[in-house]
Amino acid sequence: MTQALYVPAAAEHLHQRLPDLSDPETARRLTAALPAVVRMLDDLQVNRSQQARLLDLSERTLQRALQGDLPKRLSVDQFTRMSLVTGIYKALRILFVGEASKAWLTRPNGRRTLNGQRPLDYMLSGGIPAMLTVRQLLDADRSGQFGDAAAEDRARAAKVSVRVVEG
């Protein structure tokens, strides 16, 4: 089986400036994404209590945000958590189809890093470092590196031929 791998002509994102989270307008704009992040977690079958823990917010704050009453200010940690959830959601939607993408967080996972735990439980107990690890595992899978996958899984992935398409 041959798969096409798209390689962008320029890596523009490498030269982008980081957002200034101390700027009130930037903070307001990023806070406005909270309802979308909550809906992503809903789609991934994460309940409200778990969402609150992942995002380091109260359940009441999440519910109010869904009704349009956004928090006045979020912390850098909370923005980081929102960003990680967004990246995890995107990676799952790219890697898996339909219900498989929705259930991945809630199924036990044999990856060495996760040691049989559900990725959701791993992130709930480990906070931002664990969320970052899950994001990195999924990004490695997306790039064909398969991070800490078992040797037989890496060997199977190595047999897939890839055709590079420049953009």
Protein backbone atom coordinates (compact mmCIF):
# COMPACT_ATOMS: atom_id res chain seq x y z
CA MET A 1 0.00 0.00 0.00
CA THR A 2 1.33 3.45 -0.93
CA GLN A 3 0.42 6.56 1.01
CA ALA A 4 1.13 10.14 -0.02
CA LEU A 5 2.96 12.31 2.48
CA TYR A 6 2.45 16.03 2.02
CA VAL A 7 5.55 18.12 2.69
CA PRO A 8 4.81 21.88 2.77
CA ALA A 9 7.05 24.07 0.63
CA ALA A 10 7.87 26.32 3.60
CA ALA A 11 7.61 25.76 7.31
CA GLU A 12 6.00 29.13 8.04
CA HIS A 13 4.88 28.08 11.51
CA LEU A 14 8.50 27.84 12.65
CA HIS A 15 8.82 31.61 12.32
CA GLN A 16 5.59 32.62 14.01
CA ARG A 17 5.80 34.64 17.20
CA LEU A 18 4.35 33.17 20.35
CA PRO A 19 1.17 34.87 21.55
CA ASP A 20 1.64 37.44 24.30
CA LEU A 21 -0.63 36.03 27.00
CA SER A 22 -0.25 39.19 29.08
CA ASP A 23 -1.98 41.16 26.31
CA PRO A 24 -5.68 41.48 27.28
CA GLU A 25 -6.89 41.20 23.67
CA THR A 26 -4.87 38.02 23.06
CA ALA A 27 -6.13 36.53 26.33
CA ARG A 28 -9.73 37.41 25.42
CA ARG A 29 -9.38 35.84 21.98
CA LEU A 30 -7.88 32.63 23.36
CA THR A 31 -10.45 32.44 26.16
CA ALA A 32 -13.17 32.55 23.49
CA ALA A 33 -11.94 29.12 22.33
CA LEU A 34 -12.94 27.48 25.64
CA PRO A 35 -16.42 26.34 24.50
CA ALA A 36 -14.90 24.72 21.39
CA VAL A 37 -12.35 22.87 23.54
CA VAL A 38 -15.14 21.62 25.82
CA ARG A 39 -17.06 20.38 22.75
CA MET A 40 -13.92 18.56 21.58
CA LEU A 41 -13.73 16.80 24.94
CA ASP A 42 -17.46 16.00 24.72
CA ASP A 43 -16.79 14.41 21.33
CA LEU A 44 -13.97 12.34 22.87
CA GLN A 45 -16.39 10.96 25.49
CA VAL A 46 -14.79 12.83 28.39
CA ASN A 47 -17.35 13.72 31.07
CA ARG A 48 -17.69 17.20 32.57
CA SER A 49 -15.89 16.33 35.81
CA GLN A 50 -12.93 14.93 33.88
CA GLN A 51 -12.97 17.94 31.55
CA ALA A 52 -12.77 20.26 34.55
CA ARG A 53 -9.77 18.37 35.91
CA LEU A 54 -7.99 18.29 32.54
CA LEU A 55 -8.50 22.01 31.99
CA ASP A 56 -7.98 22.98 35.66
CA LEU A 57 -11.35 24.73 35.80
CA SER A 58 -14.50 24.15 37.82
CA GLU A 59 -17.43 22.27 36.28
CA ARG A 60 -19.51 25.39 36.87
CA THR A 61 -17.06 27.52 34.88
CA LEU A 62 -17.22 25.03 32.00
CA GLN A 63 -21.01 25.03 32.04
CA ARG A 64 -21.15 28.82 32.09
CA ALA A 65 -18.66 29.00 29.21
CA LEU A 66 -20.89 26.72 27.13
CA GLN A 67 -23.74 29.17 27.78
CA GLY A 68 -21.62 32.11 26.58
CA ASP A 69 -20.46 33.40 29.98
CA LEU A 70 -16.69 33.13 29.55
CA PRO A 71 -14.21 33.50 32.43
CA LYS A 72 -12.65 36.95 32.68
CA ARG A 73 -9.13 35.55 32.73
CA LEU A 74 -7.46 32.17 32.30
CA SER A 75 -3.97 31.28 33.50
CA VAL A 76 -1.07 30.33 31.25
CA ASP A 77 -1.46 26.75 32.53
CA GLN A 78 -5.12 26.74 31.50
CA PHE A 79 -4.25 28.06 28.03
CA THR A 80 -1.56 25.37 27.79
CA ARG A 81 -4.08 22.68 28.71
CA MET A 82 -6.53 23.99 26.09
CA SER A 83 -3.79 23.91 23.48
CA LEU A 84 -2.79 20.36 24.38
CA VAL A 85 -6.41 19.16 24.21
CA THR A 86 -6.78 20.80 20.80
CA GLY A 87 -3.63 19.09 19.51
CA ILE A 88 -4.68 15.72 20.91
CA TYR A 89 -8.12 16.07 19.36
CA LYS A 90 -6.66 16.99 15.96
CA ALA A 91 -4.19 14.08 16.03
CA LEU A 92 -6.91 11.59 16.97
CA ARG A 93 -9.15 12.84 14.14
CA ILE A 94 -6.26 12.42 11.67
CA LEU A 95 -5.10 9.01 12.92
CA PHE A 96 -8.44 7.28 13.49
CA VAL A 97 -11.81 7.13 11.80
CA GLY A 98 -15.20 7.61 13.48
CA GLU A 99 -15.74 5.91 16.80
CA ALA A 100 -12.10 4.80 17.06
CA SER A 101 -10.99 8.43 17.40
CA LYS A 102 -13.69 9.10 19.97
CA ALA A 103 -12.88 6.07 22.11
CA TRP A 104 -9.07 6.16 22.04
CA LEU A 105 -8.72 8.17 25.26
CA THR A 106 -11.02 5.87 27.20
CA ARG A 107 -9.57 2.49 26.19
CA PRO A 108 -6.63 0.79 27.94
CA ASN A 109 -3.44 1.35 25.95
CA GLY A 110 -0.48 -1.03 25.79
CA ARG A 111 2.11 1.61 24.91
CA ARG A 112 5.09 1.44 27.27
CA THR A 113 4.57 5.00 28.45
CA LEU A 114 0.92 4.37 29.29
CA ASN A 115 1.55 0.90 30.76
CA GLY A 116 -1.95 -0.41 30.06
CA GLN A 117 -3.70 2.68 31.43
CA ARG A 118 -6.38 4.57 29.60
CA PRO A 119 -4.73 7.71 28.15
CA LEU A 120 -7.44 9.75 29.88
CA ASP A 121 -6.50 8.35 33.32
CA TYR A 122 -2.82 8.92 32.57
CA MET A 123 -3.51 12.59 31.78
CA LEU A 124 -5.84 13.08 34.76
CA SER A 125 -3.21 11.79 37.16
CA GLY A 126 -0.21 13.44 35.50
CA GLY A 127 -1.49 16.90 34.54
CA ILE A 128 0.29 18.99 31.93
CA PRO A 129 3.39 16.74 31.64
CA ALA A 130 1.19 13.70 30.95
CA MET A 131 -0.98 15.65 28.50
CA LEU A 132 2.17 16.75 26.69
CA THR A 133 3.40 13.14 26.56
CA VAL A 134 0.11 11.94 25.05
CA ARG A 135 0.25 14.76 22.50
CA GLN A 136 3.84 13.82 21.59
CA LEU A 137 2.96 10.12 21.25
CA LEU A 138 0.13 10.95 18.87
CA ASP A 139 2.28 13.41 16.90
CA ALA A 140 4.98 10.72 16.59
CA ASP A 141 2.33 8.31 15.30
CA ARG A 142 1.19 10.93 12.78
CA SER A 143 4.74 11.31 11.48
CA GLY A 144 5.31 7.55 11.28
CA GLN A 145 7.79 7.39 14.16
CA PHE A 146 5.47 5.45 16.49
CA GLY A 147 7.34 6.72 19.56
CA ASP A 148 7.30 3.93 22.11
CA ALA A 149 5.24 1.44 20.08
CA ALA A 150 6.09 -2.24 20.35
CA ALA A 151 8.79 -3.51 17.97
CA GLU A 152 6.31 -5.58 15.95
CA ASP A 153 4.09 -2.53 15.45
CA ARG A 154 7.05 -0.44 14.26
CA ALA A 155 8.09 -3.24 11.87
CA ARG A 156 4.56 -3.41 10.45
CA ALA A 157 4.51 0.38 9.96
CA ALA A 158 7.92 0.29 8.24
CA LYS A 159 6.45 -1.90 5.49
CA VAL A 160 4.04 0.83 4.40
CA SER A 161 5.48 2.61 1.37
CA VAL A 162 5.23 6.38 1.32
CA ARG A 163 5.30 8.71 -1.68
CA VAL A 164 6.39 12.30 -0.91
CA VAL A 165 4.33 15.05 -2.57
CA GLU A 166 5.81 18.55 -2.40
CA GLY A 167 3.41 21.45 -2.03
